[in-house]
Amino acid sequence: MEDSYNKTAIKGLDPKFKFEVIQAGGEGLSACYQCGTCTGGCPSVEDMDYTPRQIIRMVSFGMREKVLNATAPFICASCYLCQMRCPRDVKITDIMAAIKSISIKYSNSSGNTRGQAFYTSFNEIVYNLGRLFEPMLMLKATFRSKESFGYKIKYLTKSVPLGIEFIKHRKFSMKPQKVESIEEVQKIYENVRKMEAKE
């Protein structure tokens, strides 16, 4: 009976995941005592699927699949408010960045979450143009995500009025433009990739 209970309790959990996050830059994770200060002051929490406090707890429990499919690390604004206020000096912003890095590196077989799709598309556009081109980002990120085709069309249709307002106020052009020193931007990306490959 007891043996059966233990098997049920650990099913689907990865006890090594916590150490994977720590190794990727999430030091101090174990010091968290779940007071919720990080969540209480987070300016992005309303848009997150899980709060920063929940993400830390899920990592500690080894809920790898849920954490790597979460959009919260990608919505994190990296404002460092949670990190500054944490009474245990847990590097929450760094933990979110570490999760994001693992999530991109090991995208699970079910496809890209919206966060992964946005992150990959953003970097692809900046690498190729040296700057962001918002209409292309919206299209690439939407079609790259694992959402249903119907959802993608509905989302893009809903975004059209906002796009028109941006064009009216000249917030972006309709034609992508490359920066003059594109090679310099690409060199930065290539150096980062080399550094990541060594990790």
Protein backbone atom coordinates (compact mmCIF):
# COMPACT_ATOMS: atom_id res chain seq x y z
CA MET A 1 0.00 0.00 0.00
CA GLU A 2 2.71 2.44 1.06
CA ASP A 3 4.88 1.46 -1.92
CA SER A 4 1.96 2.11 -4.28
CA TYR A 5 1.40 5.56 -2.73
CA ASN A 6 5.07 6.52 -3.22
CA LYS A 7 4.97 5.54 -6.90
CA THR A 8 1.85 7.67 -7.42
CA ALA A 9 3.41 10.62 -5.63
CA ILE A 10 6.51 10.74 -7.83
CA LYS A 11 4.86 9.87 -11.16
CA GLY A 12 5.68 12.47 -13.82
CA LEU A 13 8.15 14.33 -11.60
CA ASP A 14 11.83 14.84 -12.38
CA PRO A 15 13.91 15.19 -9.18
CA LYS A 16 16.92 16.32 -11.25
CA PHE A 17 15.07 19.28 -12.79
CA LYS A 18 15.75 21.56 -9.82
CA PHE A 19 19.49 21.02 -10.20
CA GLU A 20 19.25 21.61 -13.95
CA VAL A 21 17.71 25.05 -13.25
CA ILE A 22 20.33 25.83 -10.60
CA GLN A 23 23.14 24.88 -13.00
CA ALA A 24 21.62 27.10 -15.72
CA GLY A 25 21.84 30.16 -13.44
CA GLY A 26 19.04 29.67 -10.92
CA GLU A 27 21.18 29.70 -7.78
CA GLY A 28 19.52 30.17 -4.40
CA LEU A 29 16.31 28.44 -5.47
CA SER A 30 16.31 26.19 -2.39
CA ALA A 31 16.25 29.19 -0.04
CA CYS A 32 12.68 30.11 -1.03
CA TYR A 33 10.14 29.60 1.78
CA GLN A 34 7.08 30.53 -0.31
CA CYS A 35 6.18 33.83 1.39
CA GLY A 36 4.72 35.21 -1.86
CA THR A 37 6.47 38.61 -1.75
CA CYS A 38 7.68 38.08 -5.33
CA THR A 39 4.14 37.50 -6.58
CA GLY A 40 2.62 40.36 -4.58
CA GLY A 41 4.84 42.96 -6.26
CA CYS A 42 5.10 41.49 -9.77
CA PRO A 43 3.84 43.93 -12.46
CA SER A 44 3.35 41.10 -14.98
CA VAL A 45 1.63 38.54 -12.75
CA GLU A 46 -1.89 39.09 -14.14
CA ASP A 47 -0.76 37.88 -17.57
CA MET A 48 1.10 34.82 -16.26
CA ASP A 49 -0.31 31.29 -16.25
CA TYR A 50 1.58 30.60 -13.00
CA THR A 51 2.82 33.15 -10.45
CA PRO A 52 6.57 33.47 -9.70
CA ARG A 53 5.96 31.77 -6.33
CA GLN A 54 4.21 28.85 -8.03
CA ILE A 55 6.99 28.51 -10.63
CA ILE A 56 9.63 28.26 -7.87
CA ARG A 57 7.55 25.63 -6.07
CA MET A 58 6.97 23.63 -9.25
CA VAL A 59 10.70 23.63 -10.02
CA SER A 60 11.43 22.41 -6.46
CA PHE A 61 8.92 19.58 -6.91
CA GLY A 62 10.47 18.58 -10.25
CA MET A 63 7.43 19.44 -12.39
CA ARG A 64 9.61 19.77 -15.48
CA GLU A 65 6.95 19.37 -18.17
CA LYS A 66 4.57 21.95 -16.64
CA VAL A 67 7.34 24.48 -16.00
CA LEU A 68 8.83 24.19 -19.51
CA ASN A 69 5.36 24.62 -21.02
CA ALA A 70 4.56 27.66 -18.87
CA THR A 71 4.38 31.13 -20.42
CA ALA A 72 5.30 32.88 -17.13
CA PRO A 73 9.11 32.92 -17.68
CA PHE A 74 8.58 34.56 -21.09
CA ILE A 75 6.13 37.14 -19.70
CA CYS A 76 8.57 38.08 -16.91
CA ALA A 77 9.66 41.68 -17.59
CA SER A 78 13.04 41.17 -15.86
CA CYS A 79 12.40 44.30 -13.77
CA TYR A 80 14.17 42.66 -10.77
CA LEU A 81 11.54 43.97 -8.33
CA CYS A 82 10.92 40.46 -6.95
CA GLN A 83 14.64 39.89 -6.56
CA MET A 84 15.15 43.19 -4.71
CA ARG A 85 12.25 42.52 -2.32
CA CYS A 86 12.88 38.84 -1.59
CA PRO A 87 13.63 38.39 2.16
CA ARG A 88 15.67 35.26 1.36
CA ASP A 89 17.68 36.90 -1.44
CA VAL A 90 16.42 34.32 -3.97
CA LYS A 91 17.47 35.36 -7.49
CA ILE A 92 13.97 34.96 -8.94
CA THR A 93 14.61 36.91 -12.15
CA ASP A 94 17.71 34.78 -12.79
CA ILE A 95 15.66 31.62 -12.15
CA MET A 96 13.06 32.77 -14.70
CA ALA A 97 15.87 33.43 -17.22
CA ALA A 98 17.34 29.98 -16.54
CA ILE A 99 13.95 28.32 -17.11
CA LYS A 100 13.50 30.29 -20.32
CA SER A 101 16.91 29.15 -21.54
CA ILE A 102 16.15 25.47 -20.76
CA SER A 103 12.71 25.78 -22.34
CA ILE A 104 14.17 27.07 -25.62
CA LYS A 105 16.99 24.53 -25.63
CA TYR A 106 14.75 21.56 -24.92
CA SER A 107 11.45 22.48 -26.58
CA ASN A 108 9.24 19.48 -25.87
CA SER A 109 7.86 17.26 -28.60
CA SER A 110 4.35 18.74 -28.39
CA GLY A 111 5.61 21.91 -30.09
CA ASN A 112 6.27 25.52 -29.16
CA THR A 113 4.39 27.30 -26.42
CA ARG A 114 3.46 30.91 -27.19
CA GLY A 115 6.43 32.05 -25.11
CA GLN A 116 8.91 29.83 -26.93
CA ALA A 117 7.45 30.84 -30.30
CA PHE A 118 7.72 34.54 -29.46
CA TYR A 119 11.29 34.24 -28.17
CA THR A 120 12.51 32.23 -31.18
CA SER A 121 10.76 34.52 -33.70
CA PHE A 122 12.04 37.69 -32.00
CA ASN A 123 15.66 36.52 -32.13
CA GLU A 124 15.34 35.27 -35.71
CA ILE A 125 14.07 38.67 -36.93
CA VAL A 126 16.68 40.68 -35.02
CA TYR A 127 19.44 38.38 -36.32
CA ASN A 128 18.30 38.82 -39.94
CA LEU A 129 17.42 42.53 -39.85
CA GLY A 130 19.42 43.91 -36.93
CA ARG A 131 16.20 45.35 -35.53
CA LEU A 132 12.65 44.29 -34.76
CA PHE A 133 9.87 44.38 -37.36
CA GLU A 134 6.62 44.02 -35.41
CA PRO A 135 4.22 42.78 -38.15
CA MET A 136 6.63 39.97 -39.01
CA LEU A 137 7.06 39.11 -35.32
CA MET A 138 3.30 38.80 -34.82
CA LEU A 139 2.90 36.52 -37.85
CA LYS A 140 5.94 34.32 -37.17
CA ALA A 141 5.24 33.90 -33.44
CA THR A 142 1.54 33.15 -34.00
CA PHE A 143 2.05 30.54 -36.71
CA ARG A 144 5.03 28.98 -34.93
CA SER A 145 3.06 28.30 -31.73
CA LYS A 146 1.26 25.01 -31.09
CA GLU A 147 -2.18 26.66 -30.90
CA SER A 148 -4.90 25.47 -33.29
CA PHE A 149 -5.15 27.07 -36.74
CA GLY A 150 -8.57 28.50 -35.83
CA TYR A 151 -7.12 30.19 -32.74
CA LYS A 152 -4.27 31.67 -34.78
CA ILE A 153 -6.64 33.22 -37.36
CA LYS A 154 -8.92 34.55 -34.60
CA TYR A 155 -5.95 36.05 -32.73
CA LEU A 156 -4.53 37.74 -35.85
CA THR A 157 -7.96 39.08 -36.89
CA LYS A 158 -8.42 40.54 -33.40
CA SER A 159 -5.00 42.24 -33.68
CA VAL A 160 -5.74 44.00 -37.01
CA PRO A 161 -7.34 47.18 -35.48
CA LEU A 162 -4.31 47.65 -33.23
CA GLY A 163 -1.99 47.22 -36.21
CA ILE A 164 -3.92 49.86 -38.17
CA GLU A 165 -3.60 52.30 -35.25
CA PHE A 166 0.17 51.70 -35.14
CA ILE A 167 0.47 52.38 -38.88
CA LYS A 168 -1.67 55.55 -38.60
CA HIS A 169 0.61 56.91 -35.88
CA ARG A 170 3.76 55.76 -37.74
CA LYS A 171 4.83 53.44 -34.94
CA PHE A 172 6.17 51.00 -37.51
CA SER A 173 6.56 50.84 -41.27
CA MET A 174 5.01 48.25 -43.56
CA LYS A 175 8.40 47.35 -45.02
CA PRO A 176 11.18 45.65 -43.02
CA GLN A 177 14.46 47.58 -42.95
CA LYS A 178 17.92 46.23 -42.22
CA VAL A 179 20.36 48.19 -40.09
CA GLU A 180 23.61 49.21 -41.79
CA SER A 181 25.87 47.30 -39.40
CA ILE A 182 23.93 44.00 -39.54
CA GLU A 183 27.20 42.01 -39.35
CA GLU A 184 27.89 43.46 -35.88
CA VAL A 185 24.49 42.34 -34.60
CA GLN A 186 24.99 38.86 -36.07
CA LYS A 187 28.44 38.64 -34.51
CA ILE A 188 26.88 39.22 -31.06
CA TYR A 189 24.39 36.40 -31.65
CA GLU A 190 27.11 34.05 -32.90
CA ASN A 191 29.29 34.76 -29.85
CA VAL A 192 26.36 34.05 -27.52
CA ARG A 193 25.67 30.76 -29.34
CA LYS A 194 29.32 29.75 -28.89
CA MET A 195 29.11 30.55 -25.16
CA GLU A 196 25.88 28.54 -24.82
CA ALA A 197 27.40 25.58 -26.66
CA LYS A 198 30.20 25.41 -24.06
CA GLU A 199 27.71 25.19 -21.16
